[in-house]
């Protein structure tokens, strides 16, 4: 069953996607990010911080995800 929140087109399925505006690309990326629910919350938080431009905070969260060995 198709997810109703899933974007109807993607750059790989839409041959005209190379002509998407920056705003269309941002909306598509935002919709894709919202669908990422099977990923560790810490990874999602790091991605969100990077997306928001909070690079030092994202780096700190990423450090917490590194293996200790």
N, C-alpha and C. Protein backbone atom coordinates (compact mmCIF):
# COMPACT_ATOMS: atom_id res chain seq x y z
N UNK A 1 0.83 -1.18 0.00
CA UNK A 1 0.00 0.00 0.00
C UNK A 1 0.88 1.24 0.00
N UNK A 2 0.57 2.19 -0.83
CA UNK A 2 1.38 3.40 -0.96
C UNK A 2 1.17 4.32 0.23
N UNK A 3 2.23 4.96 0.64
CA UNK A 3 2.16 5.92 1.72
C UNK A 3 1.61 7.23 1.18
N UNK A 4 0.49 7.74 1.73
CA UNK A 4 -0.09 8.98 1.19
C UNK A 4 0.80 10.19 1.40
N UNK A 5 1.74 10.11 2.37
CA UNK A 5 2.63 11.24 2.62
C UNK A 5 3.86 11.22 1.73
N UNK A 6 4.06 10.12 1.03
CA UNK A 6 5.24 9.97 0.18
C UNK A 6 5.14 10.90 -1.02
N UNK A 7 6.21 11.59 -1.35
CA UNK A 7 6.19 12.45 -2.54
C UNK A 7 5.86 11.63 -3.78
N UNK A 8 5.04 12.18 -4.64
CA UNK A 8 4.58 11.46 -5.83
C UNK A 8 5.69 11.29 -6.86
N UNK A 9 6.64 12.19 -6.87
CA UNK A 9 7.73 12.06 -7.84
C UNK A 9 9.05 12.25 -7.12
N UNK A 10 10.08 11.74 -7.73
CA UNK A 10 11.41 11.91 -7.19
C UNK A 10 12.34 12.21 -8.35
N UNK A 11 13.52 12.73 -8.05
CA UNK A 11 14.44 13.03 -9.15
C UNK A 11 14.73 11.82 -10.03
N UNK A 12 14.72 10.62 -9.45
CA UNK A 12 15.02 9.45 -10.28
C UNK A 12 13.82 8.99 -11.09
N UNK A 13 12.59 9.31 -10.64
CA UNK A 13 11.41 8.85 -11.37
C UNK A 13 10.80 9.94 -12.25
N UNK A 14 11.24 11.16 -12.08
CA UNK A 14 10.69 12.28 -12.83
C UNK A 14 11.74 12.81 -13.79
N UNK A 15 11.60 12.52 -15.08
CA UNK A 15 12.63 12.96 -16.03
C UNK A 15 12.79 14.47 -16.10
N UNK A 16 11.79 15.22 -15.68
CA UNK A 16 11.89 16.67 -15.69
C UNK A 16 12.39 17.25 -14.38
N UNK A 17 12.80 16.37 -13.45
CA UNK A 17 13.20 16.85 -12.13
C UNK A 17 14.47 17.70 -12.16
N UNK A 18 15.26 17.55 -13.19
CA UNK A 18 16.46 18.38 -13.30
C UNK A 18 16.07 19.85 -13.39
N UNK A 19 14.81 20.11 -13.75
CA UNK A 19 14.35 21.49 -13.89
C UNK A 19 13.58 21.96 -12.65
N UNK A 20 13.57 21.16 -11.58
CA UNK A 20 12.88 21.58 -10.36
C UNK A 20 13.52 22.85 -9.83
N UNK A 21 12.69 23.71 -9.27
CA UNK A 21 13.22 24.91 -8.63
C UNK A 21 13.87 24.50 -7.31
N UNK A 22 14.63 25.40 -6.74
CA UNK A 22 15.27 25.13 -5.45
C UNK A 22 14.19 24.88 -4.40
N UNK A 23 13.11 25.63 -4.45
CA UNK A 23 12.04 25.44 -3.48
C UNK A 23 11.39 24.06 -3.62
N UNK A 24 11.19 23.59 -4.85
CA UNK A 24 10.63 22.25 -5.07
C UNK A 24 11.59 21.19 -4.52
N UNK A 25 12.87 21.38 -4.73
CA UNK A 25 13.85 20.43 -4.22
C UNK A 25 13.83 20.41 -2.70
N UNK A 26 13.73 21.59 -2.08
CA UNK A 26 13.68 21.66 -0.61
C UNK A 26 12.44 20.97 -0.06
N UNK A 27 11.29 21.20 -0.70
CA UNK A 27 10.05 20.56 -0.25
C UNK A 27 10.16 19.05 -0.38
N UNK A 28 10.73 18.59 -1.49
CA UNK A 28 10.89 17.15 -1.70
C UNK A 28 11.82 16.55 -0.64
N UNK A 29 12.93 17.22 -0.38
CA UNK A 29 13.87 16.74 0.62
C UNK A 29 13.20 16.70 2.00
N UNK A 30 12.45 17.75 2.32
CA UNK A 30 11.75 17.79 3.61
C UNK A 30 10.76 16.65 3.74
N UNK A 31 10.03 16.35 2.67
CA UNK A 31 9.07 15.24 2.70
C UNK A 31 9.79 13.91 2.88
N UNK A 32 10.93 13.76 2.24
CA UNK A 32 11.71 12.53 2.38
C UNK A 32 12.23 12.38 3.81
N UNK A 33 12.69 13.47 4.40
CA UNK A 33 13.22 13.42 5.77
C UNK A 33 12.15 12.97 6.74
N UNK A 34 10.91 13.43 6.53
CA UNK A 34 9.83 13.06 7.44
C UNK A 34 9.51 11.58 7.37
N UNK A 35 9.85 10.91 6.28
CA UNK A 35 9.55 9.50 6.11
C UNK A 35 10.59 8.59 6.75
N UNK A 36 11.70 9.14 7.19
CA UNK A 36 12.78 8.35 7.77
C UNK A 36 12.44 8.02 9.22
N UNK A 37 11.77 6.91 9.43
CA UNK A 37 11.33 6.56 10.78
C UNK A 37 12.04 5.33 11.34
N UNK A 38 12.77 4.59 10.51
CA UNK A 38 13.44 3.37 10.96
C UNK A 38 14.90 3.62 11.33
N UNK A 39 15.29 4.86 11.40
CA UNK A 39 16.68 5.20 11.68
C UNK A 39 16.79 5.64 13.14
N UNK A 40 17.92 5.32 13.74
CA UNK A 40 18.18 5.69 15.12
C UNK A 40 17.89 7.17 15.33
N UNK A 41 17.19 7.52 16.41
CA UNK A 41 16.86 8.93 16.67
C UNK A 41 18.08 9.84 16.76
N UNK A 42 19.21 9.31 17.22
CA UNK A 42 20.42 10.14 17.30
C UNK A 42 20.92 10.50 15.91
N UNK A 43 20.82 9.55 14.97
CA UNK A 43 21.23 9.83 13.59
C UNK A 43 20.30 10.87 12.98
N UNK A 44 19.01 10.72 13.23
CA UNK A 44 18.05 11.70 12.71
C UNK A 44 18.31 13.08 13.31
N UNK A 45 18.65 13.13 14.60
CA UNK A 45 18.93 14.41 15.24
C UNK A 45 20.17 15.06 14.62
N UNK A 46 21.20 14.27 14.37
CA UNK A 46 22.41 14.81 13.75
C UNK A 46 22.09 15.36 12.36
N UNK A 47 21.29 14.62 11.59
CA UNK A 47 20.90 15.08 10.26
C UNK A 47 20.08 16.37 10.35
N UNK A 48 19.17 16.41 11.32
CA UNK A 48 18.34 17.60 11.48
C UNK A 48 19.20 18.82 11.83
N UNK A 49 20.13 18.63 12.74
CA UNK A 49 21.01 19.74 13.12
C UNK A 49 21.83 20.23 11.93
N UNK A 50 22.36 19.30 11.14
CA UNK A 50 23.10 19.70 9.93
C UNK A 50 22.19 20.46 8.98
N UNK A 51 20.98 19.95 8.81
CA UNK A 51 20.00 20.58 7.92
C UNK A 51 19.69 22.01 8.37
N UNK A 52 19.68 22.22 9.68
CA UNK A 52 19.39 23.54 10.23
C UNK A 52 20.61 24.45 10.28
N UNK A 53 21.77 23.90 9.94
CA UNK A 53 22.99 24.69 9.93
C UNK A 53 23.72 24.73 11.26
N UNK A 54 23.30 23.89 12.20
CA UNK A 54 23.94 23.84 13.52
C UNK A 54 25.07 22.81 13.47
N UNK A 55 26.12 23.14 12.75
CA UNK A 55 27.20 22.18 12.49
C UNK A 55 27.96 21.75 13.74
N UNK A 56 28.32 22.66 14.66
CA UNK A 56 29.03 22.20 15.87
C UNK A 56 28.19 21.22 16.70
N UNK A 57 26.90 21.51 16.84
CA UNK A 57 26.03 20.61 17.60
C UNK A 57 25.88 19.27 16.89
N UNK A 58 25.77 19.29 15.55
CA UNK A 58 25.66 18.05 14.78
C UNK A 58 26.92 17.21 14.97
N UNK A 59 28.07 17.85 14.97
CA UNK A 59 29.33 17.12 15.17
C UNK A 59 29.38 16.46 16.54
N UNK A 60 28.87 17.16 17.56
CA UNK A 60 28.84 16.59 18.91
C UNK A 60 27.96 15.34 18.96
N UNK A 61 26.80 15.42 18.36
CA UNK A 61 25.90 14.26 18.33
C UNK A 61 26.55 13.12 17.55
N UNK A 62 27.20 13.42 16.45
CA UNK A 62 27.86 12.39 15.65
C UNK A 62 28.98 11.72 16.44
N UNK A 63 29.68 12.48 17.27
CA UNK A 63 30.74 11.90 18.11
C UNK A 63 30.18 10.85 19.06
N UNK A 64 28.96 11.11 19.55
CA UNK A 64 28.32 10.15 20.45
C UNK A 64 27.96 8.84 19.74
N UNK A 65 27.85 8.89 18.42
CA UNK A 65 27.48 7.70 17.65
C UNK A 65 28.67 6.85 17.24
N UNK A 66 29.88 7.37 17.40
CA UNK A 66 31.07 6.63 17.00
C UNK A 66 31.31 5.44 17.92
N UNK A 67 31.78 4.31 17.38
CA UNK A 67 32.08 3.17 18.24
C UNK A 67 33.26 3.48 19.15
N UNK A 68 33.30 2.85 20.30
CA UNK A 68 34.37 3.10 21.27
C UNK A 68 35.62 2.28 21.00
N UNK A 69 35.55 1.33 20.12
CA UNK A 69 36.72 0.48 19.86
C UNK A 69 37.26 0.70 18.49
